[in-house]
Amino acid sequence: MEKEKRVNVSVDHSMPAFFSDNVTISHNQTKFIIDFSQTIPGFDNIGGNMQQSFTIKHNSVMIDPQFAKVFSDILTKNIKKFEKKFGKIKVPKNVEKQEEIAETEKTMDKATRYIG
């Protein structure tokens, strides 16, 4: 009789959830870089004058092409389940325009660069 092997798994919950209102995706031959960001508007008092400022936070995830494909399929299936339960997700027109701009930039600059 074979003895059962036990593996202890510990999940690190120290990182808080990250809200994102923007994403940039780039890739090269070996990885996809998914950079989730959030823009937080604020006001700073500079020399007695209130000036608007923006703080941008970001978290990047790098994955291999095979996992990118799996992730895409899982996300698509979950969006379909969500829409079946809660109704169609409406995407503002300017978001679609951003995708067109990104595609144009990708065509213009074939070299993928990443600064993180």
N, C-alpha and C. Protein backbone atom coordinates (compact mmCIF):
# COMPACT_ATOMS: atom_id res chain seq x y z
N MET A 1 0.84 -1.17 0.00
CA MET A 1 0.00 0.00 0.00
C MET A 1 0.89 1.25 0.00
N GLU A 2 0.58 2.17 -0.90
CA GLU A 2 1.36 3.39 -1.02
C GLU A 2 0.94 4.40 0.04
N LYS A 3 1.92 5.04 0.64
CA LYS A 3 1.64 6.05 1.65
C LYS A 3 1.28 7.37 0.96
N GLU A 4 0.22 8.03 1.43
CA GLU A 4 -0.18 9.31 0.85
C GLU A 4 0.85 10.38 1.18
N LYS A 5 1.14 11.20 0.18
CA LYS A 5 2.03 12.33 0.41
C LYS A 5 1.18 13.57 0.61
N ARG A 6 1.53 14.36 1.59
CA ARG A 6 0.83 15.61 1.86
C ARG A 6 1.73 16.77 1.47
N VAL A 7 1.12 17.76 0.88
CA VAL A 7 1.85 18.97 0.52
C VAL A 7 1.13 20.13 1.20
N ASN A 8 1.85 20.87 2.00
CA ASN A 8 1.28 22.05 2.64
C ASN A 8 1.40 23.23 1.69
N VAL A 9 0.31 23.98 1.57
CA VAL A 9 0.28 25.16 0.70
C VAL A 9 -0.09 26.36 1.56
N SER A 10 0.66 27.41 1.40
CA SER A 10 0.39 28.65 2.12
C SER A 10 0.07 29.73 1.10
N VAL A 11 -1.02 30.46 1.31
CA VAL A 11 -1.41 31.54 0.41
C VAL A 11 -1.11 32.87 1.10
N ASP A 12 -0.34 33.70 0.44
CA ASP A 12 0.03 35.01 0.98
C ASP A 12 -1.05 36.02 0.62
N HIS A 13 -1.77 36.51 1.61
CA HIS A 13 -2.85 37.49 1.39
C HIS A 13 -2.42 38.90 1.80
N SER A 14 -1.12 39.16 1.84
CA SER A 14 -0.64 40.45 2.34
C SER A 14 -0.86 41.60 1.36
N MET A 15 -0.98 41.31 0.09
CA MET A 15 -1.19 42.37 -0.90
C MET A 15 -2.68 42.71 -0.99
N PRO A 16 -3.05 43.97 -0.82
CA PRO A 16 -4.46 44.34 -0.94
C PRO A 16 -4.90 44.26 -2.41
N ALA A 17 -6.20 44.18 -2.61
CA ALA A 17 -6.74 44.19 -3.98
C ALA A 17 -6.37 45.51 -4.64
N PHE A 18 -6.19 45.47 -5.94
CA PHE A 18 -5.78 46.65 -6.70
C PHE A 18 -6.87 46.98 -7.70
N PHE A 19 -7.48 48.16 -7.58
CA PHE A 19 -8.47 48.61 -8.55
C PHE A 19 -7.75 49.22 -9.74
N SER A 20 -8.18 48.86 -10.94
CA SER A 20 -7.56 49.39 -12.15
C SER A 20 -8.63 50.01 -13.04
N ASP A 21 -8.32 51.19 -13.58
CA ASP A 21 -9.22 51.82 -14.54
C ASP A 21 -8.56 51.96 -15.92
N ASN A 22 -7.42 51.29 -16.08
CA ASN A 22 -6.73 51.32 -17.36
C ASN A 22 -5.78 50.13 -17.43
N VAL A 23 -5.54 49.66 -18.63
CA VAL A 23 -4.59 48.56 -18.81
C VAL A 23 -3.82 48.79 -20.10
N THR A 24 -2.54 48.48 -20.05
CA THR A 24 -1.70 48.51 -21.25
C THR A 24 -1.10 47.12 -21.39
N ILE A 25 -1.19 46.58 -22.60
CA ILE A 25 -0.66 45.25 -22.84
C ILE A 25 0.38 45.34 -23.94
N SER A 26 1.55 44.80 -23.66
CA SER A 26 2.59 44.72 -24.69
C SER A 26 3.16 43.31 -24.65
N HIS A 27 3.94 42.99 -25.64
CA HIS A 27 4.50 41.63 -25.69
C HIS A 27 5.77 41.62 -26.52
N ASN A 28 6.53 40.58 -26.28
CA ASN A 28 7.65 40.26 -27.16
C ASN A 28 7.53 38.77 -27.47
N GLN A 29 8.56 38.17 -27.95
CA GLN A 29 8.48 36.78 -28.39
C GLN A 29 8.26 35.79 -27.24
N THR A 30 8.66 36.16 -26.02
CA THR A 30 8.61 35.20 -24.92
C THR A 30 7.62 35.54 -23.81
N LYS A 31 7.07 36.76 -23.78
CA LYS A 31 6.17 37.10 -22.68
C LYS A 31 5.18 38.21 -23.06
N PHE A 32 4.08 38.23 -22.31
CA PHE A 32 3.11 39.31 -22.38
C PHE A 32 3.26 40.11 -21.09
N ILE A 33 3.25 41.43 -21.20
CA ILE A 33 3.31 42.30 -20.04
C ILE A 33 1.97 43.01 -19.96
N ILE A 34 1.25 42.76 -18.87
CA ILE A 34 -0.05 43.37 -18.65
C ILE A 34 0.13 44.37 -17.52
N ASP A 35 0.02 45.65 -17.83
CA ASP A 35 0.26 46.71 -16.85
C ASP A 35 -1.08 47.34 -16.48
N PHE A 36 -1.58 47.00 -15.29
CA PHE A 36 -2.82 47.55 -14.79
C PHE A 36 -2.48 48.85 -14.06
N SER A 37 -3.25 49.91 -14.33
CA SER A 37 -2.98 51.18 -13.66
C SER A 37 -4.27 51.83 -13.20
N GLN A 38 -4.11 52.74 -12.25
CA GLN A 38 -5.22 53.55 -11.78
C GLN A 38 -4.73 54.98 -11.68
N THR A 39 -5.59 55.90 -12.07
CA THR A 39 -5.26 57.32 -12.02
C THR A 39 -6.11 57.95 -10.93
N ILE A 40 -5.44 58.62 -10.00
CA ILE A 40 -6.13 59.24 -8.88
C ILE A 40 -5.92 60.75 -8.97
N PRO A 41 -7.00 61.50 -9.23
CA PRO A 41 -6.84 62.96 -9.29
C PRO A 41 -6.74 63.53 -7.88
N GLY A 42 -6.05 64.65 -7.77
CA GLY A 42 -5.92 65.32 -6.48
C GLY A 42 -5.56 66.77 -6.68
N PHE A 43 -5.43 67.48 -5.58
CA PHE A 43 -5.03 68.88 -5.62
C PHE A 43 -3.88 69.08 -4.66
N ASP A 44 -2.88 69.82 -5.09
CA ASP A 44 -1.72 70.12 -4.27
C ASP A 44 -1.65 71.62 -4.06
N ASN A 45 -1.26 72.02 -2.85
CA ASN A 45 -1.07 73.43 -2.54
C ASN A 45 0.41 73.74 -2.78
N ILE A 46 0.68 74.44 -3.87
CA ILE A 46 2.06 74.78 -4.24
C ILE A 46 2.20 76.30 -4.18
N GLY A 47 2.95 76.75 -3.20
CA GLY A 47 3.16 78.20 -3.05
C GLY A 47 1.87 78.97 -2.82
N GLY A 48 0.92 78.38 -2.14
CA GLY A 48 -0.35 79.04 -1.87
C GLY A 48 -1.37 78.90 -3.00
N ASN A 49 -0.97 78.26 -4.10
CA ASN A 49 -1.90 78.04 -5.23
C ASN A 49 -2.29 76.58 -5.29
N MET A 50 -3.58 76.34 -5.43
CA MET A 50 -4.07 74.97 -5.59
C MET A 50 -3.90 74.56 -7.05
N GLN A 51 -3.20 73.45 -7.25
CA GLN A 51 -2.99 72.94 -8.61
C GLN A 51 -3.43 71.49 -8.66
N GLN A 52 -4.11 71.17 -9.75
CA GLN A 52 -4.55 69.79 -9.90
C GLN A 52 -3.37 68.90 -10.26
N SER A 53 -3.36 67.72 -9.68
CA SER A 53 -2.31 66.75 -9.99
C SER A 53 -2.94 65.38 -10.14
N PHE A 54 -2.21 64.47 -10.71
CA PHE A 54 -2.66 63.10 -10.88
C PHE A 54 -1.59 62.16 -10.36
N THR A 55 -2.02 61.18 -9.61
CA THR A 55 -1.12 60.13 -9.15
C THR A 55 -1.49 58.88 -9.94
N ILE A 56 -0.50 58.26 -10.53
CA ILE A 56 -0.74 57.02 -11.28
C ILE A 56 -0.01 55.89 -10.57
N LYS A 57 -0.78 54.89 -10.16
CA LYS A 57 -0.21 53.68 -9.57
C LYS A 57 -0.34 52.58 -10.60
N HIS A 58 0.59 51.63 -10.58
CA HIS A 58 0.46 50.52 -11.52
C HIS A 58 1.01 49.24 -10.93
N ASN A 59 0.47 48.15 -11.41
CA ASN A 59 0.95 46.80 -11.09
C ASN A 59 1.08 46.05 -12.40
N SER A 60 2.22 45.47 -12.63
CA SER A 60 2.46 44.74 -13.86
C SER A 60 2.47 43.24 -13.61
N VAL A 61 1.96 42.51 -14.59
CA VAL A 61 1.96 41.05 -14.55
C VAL A 61 2.62 40.58 -15.84
N MET A 62 3.62 39.73 -15.72
CA MET A 62 4.26 39.16 -16.90
C MET A 62 3.90 37.68 -16.97
N ILE A 63 3.43 37.25 -18.14
CA ILE A 63 3.03 35.86 -18.33
C ILE A 63 3.55 35.34 -19.66
N ASP A 64 3.68 34.02 -19.76
CA ASP A 64 4.16 33.46 -21.02
C ASP A 64 2.99 33.40 -22.01
N PRO A 65 3.29 33.29 -23.31
CA PRO A 65 2.23 33.30 -24.33
C PRO A 65 1.17 32.21 -24.14
N GLN A 66 1.57 31.03 -23.69
CA GLN A 66 0.60 29.96 -23.50
C GLN A 66 -0.40 30.33 -22.41
N PHE A 67 0.08 30.89 -21.30
CA PHE A 67 -0.83 31.28 -20.24
C PHE A 67 -1.68 32.48 -20.66
N ALA A 68 -1.14 33.37 -21.49
CA ALA A 68 -1.92 34.50 -22.01
C ALA A 68 -3.13 33.98 -22.78
N LYS A 69 -2.93 32.94 -23.57
CA LYS A 69 -4.02 32.34 -24.34
C LYS A 69 -5.06 31.71 -23.41
N VAL A 70 -4.60 30.97 -22.40
CA VAL A 70 -5.50 30.35 -21.43
C VAL A 70 -6.27 31.44 -20.68
N PHE A 71 -5.57 32.49 -20.25
CA PHE A 71 -6.19 33.59 -19.52
C PHE A 71 -7.27 34.26 -20.38
N SER A 72 -6.97 34.49 -21.65
CA SER A 72 -7.93 35.10 -22.56
C SER A 72 -9.20 34.25 -22.67
N ASP A 73 -9.04 32.94 -22.80
CA ASP A 73 -10.20 32.04 -22.89
C ASP A 73 -11.02 32.06 -21.61
N ILE A 74 -10.35 32.02 -20.45
CA ILE A 74 -11.05 32.04 -19.17
C ILE A 74 -11.80 33.36 -18.99
N LEU A 75 -11.17 34.47 -19.34
CA LEU A 75 -11.80 35.78 -19.21
C LEU A 75 -13.03 35.88 -20.12
N THR A 76 -12.90 35.40 -21.36
CA THR A 76 -14.03 35.43 -22.30
C THR A 76 -15.21 34.62 -21.76
N LYS A 77 -14.94 33.42 -21.25
CA LYS A 77 -16.00 32.58 -20.68
C LYS A 77 -16.67 33.27 -19.49
N ASN A 78 -15.87 33.91 -18.64
CA ASN A 78 -16.44 34.57 -17.48
C ASN A 78 -17.24 35.82 -17.84
N ILE A 79 -16.84 36.53 -18.86
CA ILE A 79 -17.61 37.68 -19.33
C ILE A 79 -18.97 37.20 -19.84
N LYS A 80 -18.99 36.10 -20.58
CA LYS A 80 -20.26 35.56 -21.08
C LYS A 80 -21.17 35.16 -19.92
N LYS A 81 -20.61 34.51 -18.90
CA LYS A 81 -21.40 34.13 -17.72
C LYS A 81 -21.95 35.37 -17.01
N PHE A 82 -21.10 36.39 -16.86
CA PHE A 82 -21.51 37.63 -16.21
C PHE A 82 -22.68 38.27 -16.96
N GLU A 83 -22.54 38.37 -18.30
CA GLU A 83 -23.58 39.02 -19.09
C GLU A 83 -24.88 38.22 -19.09
N LYS A 84 -24.77 36.92 -19.03
CA LYS A 84 -25.97 36.08 -18.96
C LYS A 84 -26.72 36.34 -17.65
N LYS A 85 -25.97 36.54 -16.58
CA LYS A 85 -26.57 36.73 -15.26
C LYS A 85 -27.00 38.18 -15.01
N PHE A 86 -26.16 39.16 -15.44
CA PHE A 86 -26.40 40.55 -15.08
C PHE A 86 -26.75 41.46 -16.25
N GLY A 87 -26.69 40.98 -17.48
CA GLY A 87 -26.97 41.81 -18.65
C GLY A 87 -25.70 42.25 -19.36
N LYS A 88 -25.88 42.70 -20.57
CA LYS A 88 -24.76 43.07 -21.42
C LYS A 88 -23.94 44.21 -20.81
N ILE A 89 -22.64 44.07 -20.90
CA ILE A 89 -21.72 45.11 -20.43
C ILE A 89 -21.62 46.16 -21.53
N LYS A 90 -21.91 47.40 -21.19
CA LYS A 90 -21.83 48.48 -22.17
C LYS A 90 -20.45 49.12 -22.10
N VAL A 91 -19.79 49.22 -23.24
CA VAL A 91 -18.46 49.81 -23.32
C VAL A 91 -18.61 51.20 -23.94
N PRO A 92 -18.14 52.25 -23.25
CA PRO A 92 -18.23 53.60 -23.81
C PRO A 92 -17.48 53.69 -25.14
N LYS A 93 -17.95 54.53 -26.01
CA LYS A 93 -17.35 54.68 -27.34
C LYS A 93 -15.87 55.06 -27.28
N ASN A 94 -15.49 55.90 -26.32
CA ASN A 94 -14.09 56.34 -26.28
C ASN A 94 -13.14 55.21 -25.94
N VAL A 95 -13.61 54.15 -25.26
CA VAL A 95 -12.76 53.00 -24.97
C VAL A 95 -12.43 52.27 -26.27
N GLU A 96 -13.43 52.10 -27.13
CA GLU A 96 -13.19 51.46 -28.42
C GLU A 96 -12.20 52.29 -29.23
N LYS A 97 -12.29 53.60 -29.16
CA LYS A 97 -11.39 54.49 -29.87
C LYS A 97 -9.95 54.31 -29.35
N GLN A 98 -9.79 54.13 -28.04
CA GLN A 98 -8.46 53.91 -27.46
C GLN A 98 -7.83 52.65 -28.04
N GLU A 99 -8.64 51.61 -28.25
CA GLU A 99 -8.12 50.37 -28.84
C GLU A 99 -7.63 50.63 -30.26
N GLU A 100 -8.37 51.44 -31.03
CA GLU A 100 -7.95 51.78 -32.38
C GLU A 100 -6.62 52.53 -32.36
N ILE A 101 -6.49 53.47 -31.43
CA ILE A 101 -5.25 54.25 -31.31
C ILE A 101 -4.09 53.32 -30.95
N ALA A 102 -4.32 52.41 -30.02
CA ALA A 102 -3.28 51.47 -29.60
C ALA A 102 -2.84 50.61 -30.77
N GLU A 103 -3.79 50.14 -31.58
CA GLU A 103 -3.44 49.32 -32.75
C GLU A 103 -2.61 50.12 -33.74
N THR A 104 -2.97 51.39 -33.95
CA THR A 104 -2.22 52.25 -34.86
C THR A 104 -0.79 52.45 -34.35
N GLU A 105 -0.65 52.70 -33.04
CA GLU A 105 0.68 52.88 -32.46
C GLU A 105 1.50 51.61 -32.59
N LYS A 106 0.87 50.45 -32.41
CA LYS A 106 1.58 49.18 -32.50
C LYS A 106 2.11 48.98 -33.92
N THR A 107 1.30 49.37 -34.91
CA THR A 107 1.72 49.23 -36.30
C THR A 107 2.88 50.16 -36.61
N MET A 108 2.82 51.38 -36.04
CA MET A 108 3.87 52.36 -36.29
C MET A 108 5.17 51.98 -35.61
N ASP A 109 5.10 51.37 -34.44
CA ASP A 109 6.31 51.03 -33.69
C ASP A 109 6.35 49.53 -33.47
N LYS A 110 6.99 48.82 -34.35
CA LYS A 110 7.01 47.35 -34.28
C LYS A 110 7.83 46.84 -33.09
N ALA A 111 8.78 47.63 -32.62
CA ALA A 111 9.60 47.20 -31.48
C ALA A 111 8.81 47.40 -30.20
N THR A 112 8.63 46.35 -29.45
CA THR A 112 7.91 46.42 -28.18
C THR A 112 8.88 46.81 -27.08
N ARG A 113 8.54 47.90 -26.41
CA ARG A 113 9.37 48.36 -25.30
C ARG A 113 8.56 48.31 -24.02
N TYR A 114 9.25 48.11 -22.92
CA TYR A 114 8.58 48.07 -21.62
C TYR A 114 9.39 48.85 -20.61
N ILE A 115 8.74 49.79 -19.95
CA ILE A 115 9.37 50.52 -18.87
C ILE A 115 8.48 50.32 -17.67
N GLY A 116 9.01 49.75 -16.61
CA GLY A 116 8.15 49.44 -15.46
C GLY A 116 8.73 49.87 -14.17
